[in-house]
N, C-alpha and C. Protein backbone atom coordinates (compact mmCIF):
# COMPACT_ATOMS: atom_id res chain seq x y z
N MET A 1 -25.22 -33.29 -64.89
CA MET A 1 -26.38 -32.74 -64.03
C MET A 1 -26.47 -31.19 -64.26
N MET A 2 -25.30 -30.54 -64.44
CA MET A 2 -25.34 -29.12 -64.70
C MET A 2 -25.98 -28.78 -66.12
N ILE A 3 -25.71 -29.67 -66.99
CA ILE A 3 -26.29 -29.49 -68.36
C ILE A 3 -27.92 -29.48 -68.19
N GLY A 4 -28.37 -30.58 -67.53
CA GLY A 4 -29.76 -30.72 -67.34
C GLY A 4 -30.25 -29.48 -66.60
N LEU A 5 -29.77 -29.00 -65.58
CA LEU A 5 -30.20 -27.96 -64.67
C LEU A 5 -30.20 -26.63 -65.51
N GLY A 6 -29.18 -26.54 -66.29
CA GLY A 6 -29.02 -25.19 -67.07
C GLY A 6 -30.13 -25.19 -68.27
N SER A 7 -30.19 -26.28 -68.85
CA SER A 7 -31.29 -26.34 -69.89
C SER A 7 -32.60 -26.22 -69.34
N LEU A 8 -32.92 -26.71 -68.11
CA LEU A 8 -34.15 -26.62 -67.55
C LEU A 8 -34.51 -25.22 -67.24
N PHE A 9 -33.66 -24.58 -66.60
CA PHE A 9 -33.79 -23.11 -66.19
C PHE A 9 -34.00 -22.23 -67.39
N ILE A 10 -33.24 -22.23 -68.45
CA ILE A 10 -33.38 -21.58 -69.55
C ILE A 10 -34.80 -21.85 -70.35
N SER A 11 -35.12 -23.16 -70.47
CA SER A 11 -36.41 -23.39 -71.06
C SER A 11 -37.58 -22.95 -70.18
N VAL A 12 -37.43 -22.95 -68.90
CA VAL A 12 -38.56 -22.31 -68.10
C VAL A 12 -38.56 -20.81 -68.24
N TYR A 13 -37.50 -20.22 -68.40
CA TYR A 13 -37.41 -18.82 -68.70
C TYR A 13 -38.07 -18.42 -69.97
N LEU A 14 -37.68 -19.30 -71.02
CA LEU A 14 -38.29 -18.94 -72.39
C LEU A 14 -39.75 -19.17 -72.37
N LEU A 15 -40.15 -20.18 -71.58
CA LEU A 15 -41.56 -20.43 -71.50
C LEU A 15 -42.44 -19.32 -70.83
N ALA A 16 -41.76 -18.72 -69.66
CA ALA A 16 -42.22 -17.66 -68.99
C ALA A 16 -42.37 -16.39 -69.85
N LYS A 17 -41.39 -16.28 -70.81
CA LYS A 17 -41.59 -15.12 -71.78
C LYS A 17 -42.47 -15.38 -72.94
N LYS A 18 -42.93 -16.67 -73.00
CA LYS A 18 -43.78 -17.07 -74.12
C LYS A 18 -43.06 -17.03 -75.50
N LEU A 19 -41.77 -17.37 -75.41
CA LEU A 19 -41.00 -17.50 -76.61
C LEU A 19 -40.73 -18.92 -77.03
N TYR A 20 -40.94 -19.44 -78.12
CA TYR A 20 -40.57 -20.90 -78.54
C TYR A 20 -41.38 -21.88 -77.61
N PHE A 21 -42.64 -21.68 -77.57
CA PHE A 21 -43.60 -22.45 -76.59
C PHE A 21 -43.37 -23.94 -76.81
N ALA A 22 -43.50 -24.51 -77.92
CA ALA A 22 -43.37 -26.08 -78.19
C ALA A 22 -41.95 -26.53 -77.86
N ILE A 23 -40.91 -25.78 -78.35
CA ILE A 23 -39.67 -26.27 -78.13
C ILE A 23 -39.27 -26.17 -76.72
N SER A 24 -39.71 -25.09 -75.92
CA SER A 24 -39.43 -25.03 -74.59
C SER A 24 -40.03 -26.21 -73.76
N LEU A 25 -41.29 -26.53 -74.17
CA LEU A 25 -41.92 -27.66 -73.47
C LEU A 25 -41.14 -29.14 -73.75
N PHE A 26 -40.76 -29.17 -74.92
CA PHE A 26 -39.81 -30.40 -75.35
C PHE A 26 -38.46 -30.36 -74.56
N ILE A 27 -37.91 -29.33 -74.47
CA ILE A 27 -36.66 -29.09 -73.64
C ILE A 27 -36.75 -29.47 -72.16
N ILE A 28 -37.96 -28.87 -71.57
CA ILE A 28 -38.21 -29.03 -70.20
C ILE A 28 -38.32 -30.46 -70.02
N LEU A 29 -38.98 -31.31 -70.82
CA LEU A 29 -39.16 -32.74 -70.58
C LEU A 29 -37.92 -33.48 -70.70
N PHE A 30 -37.15 -33.12 -71.87
CA PHE A 30 -35.84 -33.73 -72.10
C PHE A 30 -34.94 -33.44 -70.84
N SER A 31 -34.80 -32.30 -70.34
CA SER A 31 -33.89 -31.89 -69.25
C SER A 31 -34.25 -32.74 -67.92
N ILE A 32 -35.67 -32.81 -67.72
CA ILE A 32 -36.00 -33.65 -66.54
C ILE A 32 -35.60 -35.01 -66.79
N LEU A 33 -35.64 -35.68 -67.94
CA LEU A 33 -35.14 -36.97 -68.21
C LEU A 33 -33.64 -37.16 -67.89
N ILE A 34 -32.90 -36.04 -68.37
CA ILE A 34 -31.54 -36.03 -68.16
C ILE A 34 -31.13 -36.03 -66.66
N ILE A 35 -31.88 -35.16 -65.83
CA ILE A 35 -31.60 -35.03 -64.53
C ILE A 35 -31.90 -36.40 -63.83
N PHE A 36 -33.10 -37.22 -64.20
CA PHE A 36 -33.42 -38.33 -63.53
C PHE A 36 -32.51 -39.34 -63.85
N PHE A 37 -32.07 -39.47 -65.16
CA PHE A 37 -31.03 -40.49 -65.50
C PHE A 37 -29.67 -40.38 -64.66
N THR A 38 -29.18 -39.13 -64.54
CA THR A 38 -28.10 -38.85 -63.76
C THR A 38 -28.27 -39.17 -62.31
N PHE A 39 -29.53 -38.89 -61.61
CA PHE A 39 -29.73 -39.39 -60.42
C PHE A 39 -29.63 -40.85 -60.03
N VAL A 40 -30.39 -41.63 -61.15
CA VAL A 40 -30.40 -43.02 -60.99
C VAL A 40 -29.02 -43.52 -61.24
N ALA A 41 -28.40 -43.12 -62.23
CA ALA A 41 -27.15 -43.66 -62.59
C ALA A 41 -25.93 -43.54 -61.58
N TYR A 42 -25.90 -42.30 -60.92
CA TYR A 42 -24.75 -42.08 -60.09
C TYR A 42 -25.08 -41.99 -58.52
N PHE A 43 -26.30 -41.70 -58.18
CA PHE A 43 -26.62 -41.48 -56.71
C PHE A 43 -27.38 -42.56 -56.06
N LEU A 44 -27.88 -43.67 -56.83
CA LEU A 44 -28.52 -44.73 -56.17
C LEU A 44 -27.66 -46.00 -56.22
N PRO A 45 -27.72 -46.82 -55.06
CA PRO A 45 -26.91 -47.99 -55.05
C PRO A 45 -27.64 -49.18 -55.79
N GLU A 46 -26.74 -50.02 -56.26
CA GLU A 46 -27.31 -51.05 -57.23
C GLU A 46 -26.62 -52.28 -56.81
N ALA A 47 -27.41 -53.38 -56.49
CA ALA A 47 -27.16 -54.79 -56.48
C ALA A 47 -26.03 -54.86 -55.23
N GLY A 48 -26.21 -54.09 -54.27
CA GLY A 48 -25.32 -54.14 -53.23
C GLY A 48 -24.03 -53.46 -53.23
N TYR A 49 -23.81 -52.80 -54.36
CA TYR A 49 -22.60 -51.85 -54.51
C TYR A 49 -23.08 -50.51 -54.05
N PRO A 50 -22.13 -49.79 -53.35
CA PRO A 50 -22.41 -48.41 -52.98
C PRO A 50 -22.49 -47.37 -54.08
N PRO A 51 -23.16 -46.32 -54.01
CA PRO A 51 -23.23 -45.35 -55.25
C PRO A 51 -21.91 -44.74 -55.47
N PRO A 52 -21.48 -44.58 -56.86
CA PRO A 52 -20.36 -43.84 -57.06
C PRO A 52 -20.13 -42.46 -56.32
N ILE A 53 -21.24 -41.73 -56.25
CA ILE A 53 -21.30 -40.40 -55.65
C ILE A 53 -22.19 -40.51 -54.38
N ARG A 54 -21.77 -40.20 -53.24
CA ARG A 54 -22.65 -40.16 -52.10
C ARG A 54 -23.17 -38.93 -51.78
N LEU A 55 -24.39 -38.95 -51.51
CA LEU A 55 -24.98 -37.57 -51.04
C LEU A 55 -24.72 -37.10 -49.82
N PHE A 56 -24.71 -38.15 -48.73
CA PHE A 56 -24.50 -37.82 -47.40
C PHE A 56 -23.30 -38.78 -47.00
N PHE A 57 -22.75 -38.20 -45.99
CA PHE A 57 -21.34 -38.88 -45.48
C PHE A 57 -21.88 -40.14 -44.54
């Protein structure tokens, strides 16, 4: 999750500075996919099993 958030912040920063426009857009999309996959894989219950990492107690 930290890799996805870190790459998202860096790519948004580069996009704001107007550096590497096409690469920044690709990395933003890719990091959003990484964050979404992490959320689905670790924070959502599946088939009656509790999630491996609980958000709330």
